[in-house]
C-alpha atoms as a PDB file:
ATOM      1  CA  MET A   1      41.258 -21.419  -3.538  1.00  0.00           C
ATOM      2  CA  ASN A   2      37.598 -22.077  -1.392  1.00  0.00           C
ATOM      3  CA  ASN A   3      34.762 -21.086  -3.512  1.00  0.00           C
ATOM      4  CA  GLU A   4      32.021 -21.650  -0.555  1.00  0.00           C
ATOM      5  CA  THR A   5      30.178 -18.547   0.158  1.00  0.00           C
ATOM      6  CA  LEU A   6      27.726 -18.428   3.605  1.00  0.00           C
ATOM      7  CA  LEU A   7      24.208 -16.978   3.262  1.00  0.00           C
ATOM      8  CA  LEU A   8      22.985 -15.424   6.067  1.00  0.00           C
ATOM      9  CA  CYS A   9      19.518 -14.127   7.351  1.00  0.00           C
ATOM     10  CA  ASN A  10      20.458 -11.018   9.939  1.00  0.00           C
ATOM     11  CA  SER A  11      16.552 -11.286  10.896  1.00  0.00           C
ATOM     12  CA  CYS A  12      16.255 -14.848  12.388  1.00  0.00           C
ATOM     13  CA  GLY A  13      20.143 -16.538  11.993  1.00  0.00           C
ATOM     14  CA  TRP A  14      18.982 -18.981   9.237  1.00  0.00           C
ATOM     15  CA  PHE A  15      21.951 -19.811   7.405  1.00  0.00           C
ATOM     16  CA  GLU A  16      23.244 -22.099   4.708  1.00  0.00           C
ATOM     17  CA  THR A  17      26.336 -22.713   2.901  1.00  0.00           C
ATOM     18  CA  SER A  18      27.133 -23.687  -0.436  1.00  0.00           C
ATOM     19  CA  LEU A  19      29.962 -23.662  -2.948  1.00  0.00           C
ATOM     20  CA  GLY A  20      30.176 -22.244  -6.046  1.00  0.00           C
ATOM     21  CA  GLN A  21      28.146 -19.200  -7.132  1.00  0.00           C
ATOM     22  CA  VAL A  22      24.786 -18.346  -5.991  1.00  0.00           C
ATOM     23  CA  SER A  23      21.777 -16.311  -7.286  1.00  0.00           C
ATOM     24  CA  LEU A  24      21.017 -14.034  -4.497  1.00  0.00           C
ATOM     25  CA  ILE A  25      17.471 -12.905  -6.317  1.00  0.00           C
ATOM     26  CA  SER A  26      14.830 -15.224  -5.196  1.00  0.00           C
ATOM     27  CA  LYS A  27      11.013 -15.412  -6.201  1.00  0.00           C
ATOM     28  CA  ASN A  28       9.400 -17.033  -3.215  1.00  0.00           C
ATOM     29  CA  LYS A  29       7.226 -14.626  -1.722  1.00  0.00           C
ATOM     30  CA  ILE A  30       7.127 -14.133   2.243  1.00  0.00           C
ATOM     31  CA  SER A  31       4.078 -14.018   3.909  1.00  0.00           C
ATOM     32  CA  LYS A  32       3.132 -11.797   6.643  1.00  0.00           C
ATOM     33  CA  GLU A  33       1.898 -13.106   9.781  1.00  0.00           C
ATOM     34  CA  ASP A  34      -1.444 -11.506  11.625  1.00  0.00           C
ATOM     35  CA  SER A  35      -0.095  -8.328  13.594  1.00  0.00           C
ATOM     36  CA  ARG A  36      -3.406  -8.963  15.993  1.00  0.00           C
ATOM     37  CA  ALA A  37      -2.961 -10.370  19.613  1.00  0.00           C
ATOM     38  CA  SER A  38      -4.673 -13.481  20.591  1.00  0.00           C
ATOM     39  CA  GLY A  39      -7.809 -12.246  23.285  1.00  0.00           C
ATOM     40  CA  VAL A  40      -8.187  -9.098  22.167  1.00  0.00           C
ATOM     41  CA  VAL A  41     -11.048  -7.760  21.526  1.00  0.00           C
ATOM     42  CA  ALA A  42     -10.493  -5.412  18.342  1.00  0.00           C
ATOM     43  CA  ASP A  43     -14.213  -3.929  18.197  1.00  0.00           C
ATOM     44  CA  GLN A  44     -13.998  -2.243  21.270  1.00  0.00           C
ATOM     45  CA  ASN A  45     -12.339   0.599  22.699  1.00  0.00           C
ATOM     46  CA  SER A  46     -10.924   0.361  26.363  1.00  0.00           C
ATOM     47  CA  PHE A  47     -11.355   3.945  26.871  1.00  0.00           C
ATOM     48  CA  ALA A  48     -15.108   4.074  26.388  1.00  0.00           C
ATOM     49  CA  THR A  49     -16.411   4.491  29.633  1.00  0.00           C
ATOM     50  CA  TYR A  50     -19.037   7.044  29.755  1.00  0.00           C
ATOM     51  CA  ASN A  51     -22.636   5.954  29.349  1.00  0.00           C
ATOM     52  CA  HIS A  52     -23.814   7.427  25.637  1.00  0.00           C
ATOM     53  CA  LYS A  53     -26.278   5.422  23.405  1.00  0.00           C
ATOM     54  CA  CYS A  54     -24.314   5.785  20.197  1.00  0.00           C
ATOM     55  CA  LYS A  55     -26.778   7.327  17.239  1.00  0.00           C
ATOM     56  CA  LYS A  56     -24.859   4.869  14.449  1.00  0.00           C
ATOM     57  CA  CYS A  57     -24.927   1.157  16.167  1.00  0.00           C
ATOM     58  CA  GLY A  58     -26.443   1.685  19.678  1.00  0.00           C
ATOM     59  CA  TYR A  59     -23.500   0.835  21.692  1.00  0.00           C
ATOM     60  CA  GLU A  60     -23.446   2.032  25.319  1.00  0.00           C
ATOM     61  CA  LYS A  61     -20.759   3.128  25.699  1.00  0.00           C
ATOM     62  CA  ALA A  62     -18.366   6.180  24.345  1.00  0.00           C
ATOM     63  CA  GLU A  63     -14.831   8.043  25.056  1.00  0.00           C
ATOM     64  CA  ILE A  64     -14.823  11.278  26.024  1.00  0.00           C
ATOM     65  CA  VAL A  65     -12.337  13.304  23.581  1.00  0.00           C
ATOM     66  CA  ASP A  66     -11.203  16.991  24.361  1.00  0.00           C
ATOM     67  CA  LEU A  67      -9.518  18.533  21.516  1.00  0.00           C
ATOM     68  CA  GLY A  68      -8.689  21.952  23.151  1.00  0.00           C
ATOM     69  CA  ILE A  69      -9.271  25.324  22.101  1.00  0.00           C
ATOM     70  CA  PHE A  70      -7.736  27.127  19.203  1.00  0.00           C
ATOM     71  CA  TYR A  71      -8.462  30.694  20.713  1.00  0.00           C
ATOM     72  CA  SER A  72      -8.600  31.920  23.794  1.00  0.00           C
ATOM     73  CA  ASP A  73     -12.340  33.366  23.097  1.00  0.00           C
ATOM     74  CA  GLU A  74     -13.619  29.674  21.949  1.00  0.00           C
ATOM     75  CA  ASP A  75     -14.876  26.828  24.031  1.00  0.00           C
ATOM     76  CA  ASN A  76     -13.734  23.290  24.286  1.00  0.00           C
ATOM     77  CA  LEU A  77     -13.901  20.839  21.354  1.00  0.00           C
ATOM     78  CA  ILE A  78     -15.672  18.121  23.099  1.00  0.00           C
ATOM     79  CA  PHE A  79     -16.535  14.828  21.151  1.00  0.00           C
ATOM     80  CA  LEU A  80     -18.152  11.343  22.419  1.00  0.00           C
ATOM     81  CA  LYS A  81     -16.500   8.178  20.084  1.00  0.00           C
ATOM     82  CA  CYS A  82     -18.440   5.457  20.183  1.00  0.00           C
ATOM     83  CA  GLY A  83     -16.364   2.573  21.848  1.00  0.00           C
ATOM     84  CA  LYS A  84     -17.652   0.180  19.026  1.00  0.00           C
ATOM     85  CA  CYS A  85     -17.889   1.921  15.547  1.00  0.00           C
ATOM     86  CA  GLY A  86     -15.987   5.030  16.019  1.00  0.00           C
ATOM     87  CA  TYR A  87     -18.724   7.385  15.426  1.00  0.00           C
ATOM     88  CA  SER A  88     -18.322  10.911  16.684  1.00  0.00           C
ATOM     89  CA  GLU A  89     -20.882  13.281  18.361  1.00  0.00           C
ATOM     90  CA  ARG A  90     -20.209  16.895  19.003  1.00  0.00           C
ATOM     91  CA  LEU A  91     -20.985  18.322  22.548  1.00  0.00           C
ATOM     92  CA  GLY A  92     -21.772  21.830  21.538  1.00  0.00           C
ATOM     93  CA  ASP A  93     -23.433  23.653  24.518  1.00  0.00           C
ATOM     94  CA  LYS A  94     -24.593  20.485  26.156  1.00  0.00           C
ATOM     95  CA  THR A  95     -23.360  20.211  29.970  1.00  0.00           C
ATOM     96  CA  MET A  96     -22.385  16.255  30.956  1.00  0.00           C
END
């Protein structure tokens, strides 16, 4: 009788055959690769197109975030979110 064991990785397709008993517990750690793509600016929001100076960091562009209404007699909740640091300012009764 043949005591050959086949070890196969379902993720990458790597395989190894061995004779005899195989221990399936490994003490090797697999390092994770950096998930950020190259060439992508991580500290700026591409939706930040509105001209507004951030009070926290001074960045000149902001994203307009409209949270809608909760009750019919309320105004919409509108925020300006900084395109760089993410600081949000609520627009109260201001008009744009």
